[in-house]
Amino acid sequence: SGEEKTEKKAVIVEERPVSAKAPDPYTVKRGDTLWEICKLRLGDGGRYKEIAKLNGISNPNFLVVGQVIRFE
């Protein structure tokens, strides 16, 4: 017979909600890097420059233990 079978595959797309609230502030601990903090809290370590600017950090490679990092 001339019937064609087509396969249908479900595609799951993960989306971040538009109204997502920024993560809670993070207090720097010994050994932390801004890249690691951004990866942990935002899921993207590459946003470290944006977060450094937001927090007035002129050198993202130099964090102070006890410093509080905001994300909004």
PDB file of N, CA and C in Angstrom:
ATOM      1  N   SER A   1       0.842  -1.203   0.000  1.00  0.00           N
ATOM      2  CA  SER A   1       0.000   0.000   0.000  1.00  0.00           C
ATOM      3  C   SER A   1       0.871   1.244   0.000  1.00  0.00           C
ATOM      4  N   GLY A   2       0.281   2.391  -0.351  1.00  0.00           N
ATOM      5  CA  GLY A   2       1.036   3.626  -0.483  1.00  0.00           C
ATOM      6  C   GLY A   2       0.995   4.506   0.755  1.00  0.00           C
ATOM      7  N   GLU A   3       0.760   3.898   1.914  1.00  0.00           N
ATOM      8  CA  GLU A   3       0.697   4.713   3.140  1.00  0.00           C
ATOM      9  C   GLU A   3       2.099   5.088   3.602  1.00  0.00           C
ATOM     10  N   GLU A   4       2.255   6.325   4.028  1.00  0.00           N
ATOM     11  CA  GLU A   4       3.538   6.758   4.583  1.00  0.00           C
ATOM     12  C   GLU A   4       3.386   6.910   6.081  1.00  0.00           C
ATOM     13  N   LYS A   5       4.375   6.449   6.779  1.00  0.00           N
ATOM     14  CA  LYS A   5       4.337   6.599   8.239  1.00  0.00           C
ATOM     15  C   LYS A   5       5.242   7.773   8.610  1.00  0.00           C
ATOM     16  N   THR A   6       4.734   8.631   9.444  1.00  0.00           N
ATOM     17  CA  THR A   6       5.545   9.753   9.901  1.00  0.00           C
ATOM     18  C   THR A   6       5.718   9.634  11.401  1.00  0.00           C
ATOM     19  N   GLU A   7       6.921   9.905  11.841  1.00  0.00           N
ATOM     20  CA  GLU A   7       7.191   9.874  13.274  1.00  0.00           C
ATOM     21  C   GLU A   7       7.049  11.269  13.838  1.00  0.00           C
ATOM     22  N   LYS A   8       6.407  11.323  14.980  1.00  0.00           N
ATOM     23  CA  LYS A   8       6.292  12.612  15.656  1.00  0.00           C
ATOM     24  C   LYS A   8       7.132  12.536  16.928  1.00  0.00           C
ATOM     25  N   LYS A   9       7.958  13.521  17.098  1.00  0.00           N
ATOM     26  CA  LYS A   9       8.815  13.551  18.282  1.00  0.00           C
ATOM     27  C   LYS A   9       8.472  14.789  19.095  1.00  0.00           C
ATOM     28  N   ALA A  10       8.382  14.600  20.379  1.00  0.00           N
ATOM     29  CA  ALA A  10       8.123  15.728  21.269  1.00  0.00           C
ATOM     30  C   ALA A  10       9.435  16.476  21.510  1.00  0.00           C
ATOM     31  N   VAL A  11       9.348  17.767  21.466  1.00  0.00           N
ATOM     32  CA  VAL A  11      10.517  18.595  21.747  1.00  0.00           C
ATOM     33  C   VAL A  11      10.231  19.369  23.025  1.00  0.00           C
ATOM     34  N   ILE A  12      11.090  19.191  23.998  1.00  0.00           N
ATOM     35  CA  ILE A  12      10.904  19.888  25.272  1.00  0.00           C
ATOM     36  C   ILE A  12      11.838  21.092  25.282  1.00  0.00           C
ATOM     37  N   VAL A  13      11.262  22.246  25.456  1.00  0.00           N
ATOM     38  CA  VAL A  13      12.040  23.481  25.480  1.00  0.00           C
ATOM     39  C   VAL A  13      11.915  24.081  26.873  1.00  0.00           C
ATOM     40  N   GLU A  14      13.056  24.282  27.497  1.00  0.00           N
ATOM     41  CA  GLU A  14      13.024  24.903  28.822  1.00  0.00           C
ATOM     42  C   GLU A  14      13.139  26.406  28.644  1.00  0.00           C
ATOM     43  N   GLU A  15      12.229  27.108  29.247  1.00  0.00           N
ATOM     44  CA  GLU A  15      12.261  28.562  29.169  1.00  0.00           C
ATOM     45  C   GLU A  15      12.290  29.134  30.577  1.00  0.00           C
ATOM     46  N   ARG A  16      12.994  30.237  30.705  1.00  0.00           N
ATOM     47  CA  ARG A  16      12.979  30.940  31.986  1.00  0.00           C
ATOM     48  C   ARG A  16      11.763  31.848  31.991  1.00  0.00           C
ATOM     49  N   PRO A  17      11.015  31.831  33.080  1.00  0.00           N
ATOM     50  CA  PRO A  17       9.851  32.723  33.128  1.00  0.00           C
ATOM     51  C   PRO A  17      10.282  34.183  32.999  1.00  0.00           C
ATOM     52  N   VAL A  18       9.524  34.950  32.257  1.00  0.00           N
ATOM     53  CA  VAL A  18       9.851  36.351  32.032  1.00  0.00           C
ATOM     54  C   VAL A  18       9.801  37.123  33.346  1.00  0.00           C
ATOM     55  N   SER A  19       8.885  36.740  34.214  1.00  0.00           N
ATOM     56  CA  SER A  19       8.706  37.466  35.467  1.00  0.00           C
ATOM     57  C   SER A  19       9.594  36.910  36.585  1.00  0.00           C
ATOM     58  N   ALA A  20      10.595  36.140  36.213  1.00  0.00           N
ATOM     59  CA  ALA A  20      11.460  35.533  37.233  1.00  0.00           C
ATOM     60  C   ALA A  20      12.135  36.607  38.078  1.00  0.00           C
ATOM     61  N   LYS A  21      12.090  36.405  39.371  1.00  0.00           N
ATOM     62  CA  LYS A  21      12.723  37.370  40.267  1.00  0.00           C
ATOM     63  C   LYS A  21      14.205  37.049  40.332  1.00  0.00           C
ATOM     64  N   ALA A  22      15.003  38.072  40.491  1.00  0.00           N
ATOM     65  CA  ALA A  22      16.456  37.886  40.563  1.00  0.00           C
ATOM     66  C   ALA A  22      16.790  37.032  41.780  1.00  0.00           C
ATOM     67  N   PRO A  23      17.868  36.250  41.691  1.00  0.00           N
ATOM     68  CA  PRO A  23      18.287  35.447  42.842  1.00  0.00           C
ATOM     69  C   PRO A  23      18.605  36.332  44.046  1.00  0.00           C
ATOM     70  N   ASP A  24      18.488  35.763  45.214  1.00  0.00           N
ATOM     71  CA  ASP A  24      18.833  36.484  46.439  1.00  0.00           C
ATOM     72  C   ASP A  24      20.310  36.876  46.401  1.00  0.00           C
ATOM     73  N   PRO A  25      20.668  37.940  47.109  1.00  0.00           N
ATOM     74  CA  PRO A  25      22.083  38.335  47.167  1.00  0.00           C
ATOM     75  C   PRO A  25      22.947  37.184  47.690  1.00  0.00           C
ATOM     76  N   TYR A  26      24.199  37.189  47.295  1.00  0.00           N
ATOM     77  CA  TYR A  26      25.146  36.136  47.682  1.00  0.00           C
ATOM     78  C   TYR A  26      26.292  36.759  48.461  1.00  0.00           C
ATOM     79  N   THR A  27      26.648  36.151  49.582  1.00  0.00           N
ATOM     80  CA  THR A  27      27.776  36.626  50.382  1.00  0.00           C
ATOM     81  C   THR A  27      29.030  35.839  49.993  1.00  0.00           C
ATOM     82  N   VAL A  28      30.050  36.557  49.578  1.00  0.00           N
ATOM     83  CA  VAL A  28      31.296  35.945  49.105  1.00  0.00           C
ATOM     84  C   VAL A  28      31.983  35.177  50.231  1.00  0.00           C
ATOM     85  N   LYS A  29      32.427  33.968  49.881  1.00  0.00           N
ATOM     86  CA  LYS A  29      33.184  33.120  50.811  1.00  0.00           C
ATOM     87  C   LYS A  29      34.600  32.948  50.261  1.00  0.00           C
ATOM     88  N   ARG A  30      35.509  32.534  51.110  1.00  0.00           N
ATOM     89  CA  ARG A  30      36.903  32.336  50.708  1.00  0.00           C
ATOM     90  C   ARG A  30      36.970  31.370  49.519  1.00  0.00           C
ATOM     91  N   GLY A  31      37.701  31.744  48.490  1.00  0.00           N
ATOM     92  CA  GLY A  31      37.890  30.886  47.321  1.00  0.00           C
ATOM     93  C   GLY A  31      36.868  31.100  46.216  1.00  0.00           C
ATOM     94  N   ASP A  32      35.825  31.906  46.465  1.00  0.00           N
ATOM     95  CA  ASP A  32      34.807  32.161  45.438  1.00  0.00           C
ATOM     96  C   ASP A  32      35.374  32.992  44.300  1.00  0.00           C
ATOM     97  N   THR A  33      34.820  32.781  43.122  1.00  0.00           N
ATOM     98  CA  THR A  33      35.105  33.665  41.982  1.00  0.00           C
ATOM     99  C   THR A  33      33.768  34.201  41.491  1.00  0.00           C
ATOM    100  N   LEU A  34      33.796  35.354  40.887  1.00  0.00           N
ATOM    101  CA  LEU A  34      32.565  35.942  40.395  1.00  0.00           C
ATOM    102  C   LEU A  34      31.958  35.075  39.301  1.00  0.00           C
ATOM    103  N   TRP A  35      32.814  34.457  38.482  1.00  0.00           N
ATOM    104  CA  TRP A  35      32.321  33.564  37.431  1.00  0.00           C
ATOM    105  C   TRP A  35      31.537  32.405  38.049  1.00  0.00           C
ATOM    106  N   GLU A  36      32.104  31.778  39.095  1.00  0.00           N
ATOM    107  CA  GLU A  36      31.438  30.646  39.747  1.00  0.00           C
ATOM    108  C   GLU A  36      30.122  31.071  40.398  1.00  0.00           C
ATOM    109  N   ILE A  37      30.120  32.241  41.018  1.00  0.00           N
ATOM    110  CA  ILE A  37      28.902  32.745  41.660  1.00  0.00           C
ATOM    111  C   ILE A  37      27.812  32.962  40.612  1.00  0.00           C
ATOM    112  N   CYS A  38      28.170  33.558  39.472  1.00  0.00           N
ATOM    113  CA  CYS A  38      27.193  33.791  38.395  1.00  0.00           C
ATOM    114  C   CYS A  38      26.694  32.468  37.814  1.00  0.00           C
ATOM    115  N   LYS A  39      27.579  31.496  37.674  1.00  0.00           N
ATOM    116  CA  LYS A  39      27.195  30.177  37.165  1.00  0.00           C
ATOM    117  C   LYS A  39      26.196  29.538  38.129  1.00  0.00           C
ATOM    118  N   LEU A  40      26.479  29.624  39.412  1.00  0.00           N
ATOM    119  CA  LEU A  40      25.625  29.027  40.438  1.00  0.00           C
ATOM    120  C   LEU A  40      24.264  29.716  40.522  1.00  0.00           C
ATOM    121  N   ARG A  41      24.271  31.032  40.592  1.00  0.00           N
ATOM    122  CA  ARG A  41      23.039  31.780  40.826  1.00  0.00           C
ATOM    123  C   ARG A  41      22.246  32.101  39.564  1.00  0.00           C
ATOM    124  N   LEU A  42      22.943  32.295  38.440  1.00  0.00           N
ATOM    125  CA  LEU A  42      22.272  32.723  37.208  1.00  0.00           C
ATOM    126  C   LEU A  42      22.300  31.659  36.117  1.00  0.00           C
ATOM    127  N   GLY A  43      23.095  30.611  36.333  1.00  0.00           N
ATOM    128  CA  GLY A  43      23.209  29.573  35.323  1.00  0.00           C
ATOM    129  C   GLY A  43      24.116  29.954  34.171  1.00  0.00           C
ATOM    130  N   ASP A  44      24.835  31.077  34.314  1.00  0.00           N
ATOM    131  CA  ASP A  44      25.696  31.561  33.234  1.00  0.00           C
ATOM    132  C   ASP A  44      26.877  32.338  33.809  1.00  0.00           C
ATOM    133  N   GLY A  45      28.021  31.679  33.914  1.00  0.00           N
ATOM    134  CA  GLY A  45      29.207  32.327  34.450  1.00  0.00           C
ATOM    135  C   GLY A  45      29.681  33.497  33.606  1.00  0.00           C
ATOM    136  N   GLY A  46      29.339  33.478  32.320  1.00  0.00           N
ATOM    137  CA  GLY A  46      29.750  34.528  31.408  1.00  0.00           C
ATOM    138  C   GLY A  46      29.140  35.891  31.705  1.00  0.00           C
ATOM    139  N   ARG A  47      28.166  35.937  32.610  1.00  0.00           N
ATOM    140  CA  ARG A  47      27.545  37.218  32.961  1.00  0.00           C
ATOM    141  C   ARG A  47      28.302  37.947  34.072  1.00  0.00           C
ATOM    142  N   TYR A  48      29.497  37.455  34.417  1.00  0.00           N
ATOM    143  CA  TYR A  48      30.238  38.044  35.536  1.00  0.00           C
ATOM    144  C   TYR A  48      30.539  39.524  35.350  1.00  0.00           C
ATOM    145  N   LYS A  49      30.803  39.962  34.103  1.00  0.00           N
ATOM    146  CA  LYS A  49      31.124  41.382  33.873  1.00  0.00           C
ATOM    147  C   LYS A  49      29.912  42.259  34.169  1.00  0.00           C
ATOM    148  N   GLU A  50      28.747  41.809  33.734  1.00  0.00           N
ATOM    149  CA  GLU A  50      27.492  42.539  33.987  1.00  0.00           C
ATOM    150  C   GLU A  50      27.241  42.661  35.494  1.00  0.00           C
ATOM    151  N   ILE A  51      27.454  41.567  36.227  1.00  0.00           N
ATOM    152  CA  ILE A  51      27.214  41.559  37.673  1.00  0.00           C
ATOM    153  C   ILE A  51      28.279  42.393  38.390  1.00  0.00           C
ATOM    154  N   ALA A  52      29.518  42.362  37.899  1.00  0.00           N
ATOM    155  CA  ALA A  52      30.577  43.196  38.486  1.00  0.00           C
ATOM    156  C   ALA A  52      30.187  44.660  38.367  1.00  0.00           C
ATOM    157  N   LYS A  53      29.726  45.060  37.186  1.00  0.00           N
ATOM    158  CA  LYS A  53      29.330  46.449  36.963  1.00  0.00           C
ATOM    159  C   LYS A  53      28.159  46.834  37.867  1.00  0.00           C
ATOM    160  N   LEU A  54      27.175  45.950  37.963  1.00  0.00           N
ATOM    161  CA  LEU A  54      26.004  46.187  38.806  1.00  0.00           C
ATOM    162  C   LEU A  54      26.400  46.423  40.261  1.00  0.00           C
ATOM    163  N   ASN A  55      27.447  45.728  40.706  1.00  0.00           N
ATOM    164  CA  ASN A  55      27.872  45.813  42.098  1.00  0.00           C
ATOM    165  C   ASN A  55      29.033  46.777  42.330  1.00  0.00           C
ATOM    166  N   GLY A  56      29.414  47.520  41.288  1.00  0.00           N
ATOM    167  CA  GLY A  56      30.500  48.484  41.440  1.00  0.00           C
ATOM    168  C   GLY A  56      31.850  47.840  41.684  1.00  0.00           C
ATOM    169  N   ILE A  57      32.038  46.641  41.137  1.00  0.00           N
ATOM    170  CA  ILE A  57      33.302  45.920  41.304  1.00  0.00           C
ATOM    171  C   ILE A  57      34.197  46.270  40.114  1.00  0.00           C
ATOM    172  N   SER A  58      35.274  47.006  40.365  1.00  0.00           N
ATOM    173  CA  SER A  58      36.137  47.445  39.263  1.00  0.00           C
ATOM    174  C   SER A  58      37.037  46.317  38.763  1.00  0.00           C
ATOM    175  N   ASN A  59      37.411  45.380  39.647  1.00  0.00           N
ATOM    176  CA  ASN A  59      38.239  44.248  39.253  1.00  0.00           C
ATOM    177  C   ASN A  59      37.498  42.954  39.612  1.00  0.00           C
ATOM    178  N   PRO A  60      36.840  42.310  38.622  1.00  0.00           N
ATOM    179  CA  PRO A  60      36.067  41.106  38.903  1.00  0.00           C
ATOM    180  C   PRO A  60      36.907  39.939  39.425  1.00  0.00           C
ATOM    181  N   ASN A  61      38.239  40.053  39.320  1.00  0.00           N
ATOM    182  CA  ASN A  61      39.113  38.994  39.835  1.00  0.00           C
ATOM    183  C   ASN A  61      39.436  39.178  41.312  1.00  0.00           C
ATOM    184  N   PHE A  62      38.960  40.268  41.885  1.00  0.00           N
ATOM    185  CA  PHE A  62      39.267  40.546  43.281  1.00  0.00           C
ATOM    186  C   PHE A  62      37.964  40.732  44.062  1.00  0.00           C
ATOM    187  N   LEU A  63      37.597  39.701  44.819  1.00  0.00           N
ATOM    188  CA  LEU A  63      36.414  39.780  45.674  1.00  0.00           C
ATOM    189  C   LEU A  63      36.867  39.763  47.123  1.00  0.00           C
ATOM    190  N   VAL A  64      36.068  40.363  47.977  1.00  0.00           N
ATOM    191  CA  VAL A  64      36.378  40.419  49.395  1.00  0.00           C
ATOM    192  C   VAL A  64      35.439  39.460  50.129  1.00  0.00           C
ATOM    193  N   VAL A  65      36.006  38.597  50.977  1.00  0.00           N
ATOM    194  CA  VAL A  65      35.193  37.686  51.775  1.00  0.00           C
ATOM    195  C   VAL A  65      34.199  38.520  52.587  1.00  0.00           C
ATOM    196  N   GLY A  66      32.941  38.137  52.542  1.00  0.00           N
ATOM    197  CA  GLY A  66      31.906  38.872  53.256  1.00  0.00           C
ATOM    198  C   GLY A  66      31.185  39.891  52.385  1.00  0.00           C
ATOM    199  N   GLN A  67      31.759  40.188  51.220  1.00  0.00           N
ATOM    200  CA  GLN A  67      31.130  41.119  50.274  1.00  0.00           C
ATOM    201  C   GLN A  67      29.812  40.522  49.803  1.00  0.00           C
ATOM    202  N   VAL A  68      28.779  41.341  49.664  1.00  0.00           N
ATOM    203  CA  VAL A  68      27.478  40.858  49.211  1.00  0.00           C
ATOM    204  C   VAL A  68      27.292  41.217  47.739  1.00  0.00           C
ATOM    205  N   ILE A  69      26.993  40.198  46.937  1.00  0.00           N
ATOM    206  CA  ILE A  69      26.794  40.366  45.498  1.00  0.00           C
ATOM    207  C   ILE A  69      25.297  40.378  45.214  1.00  0.00           C
ATOM    208  N   ARG A  70      24.831  41.467  44.582  1.00  0.00           N
ATOM    209  CA  ARG A  70      23.413  41.584  44.184  1.00  0.00           C
ATOM    210  C   ARG A  70      23.279  41.194  42.719  1.00  0.00           C
ATOM    211  N   PHE A  71      22.069  40.761  42.342  1.00  0.00           N
ATOM    212  CA  PHE A  71      21.836  40.311  40.973  1.00  0.00           C
ATOM    213  C   PHE A  71      20.755  41.122  40.271  1.00  0.00           C
ATOM    214  N   GLU A  72      20.249  42.183  40.923  1.00  0.00           N
ATOM    215  CA  GLU A  72      19.218  43.007  40.282  1.00  0.00           C
ATOM    216  C   GLU A  72      19.523  44.467  40.420  1.00  0.00           C
TER     217      GLU A  72
END
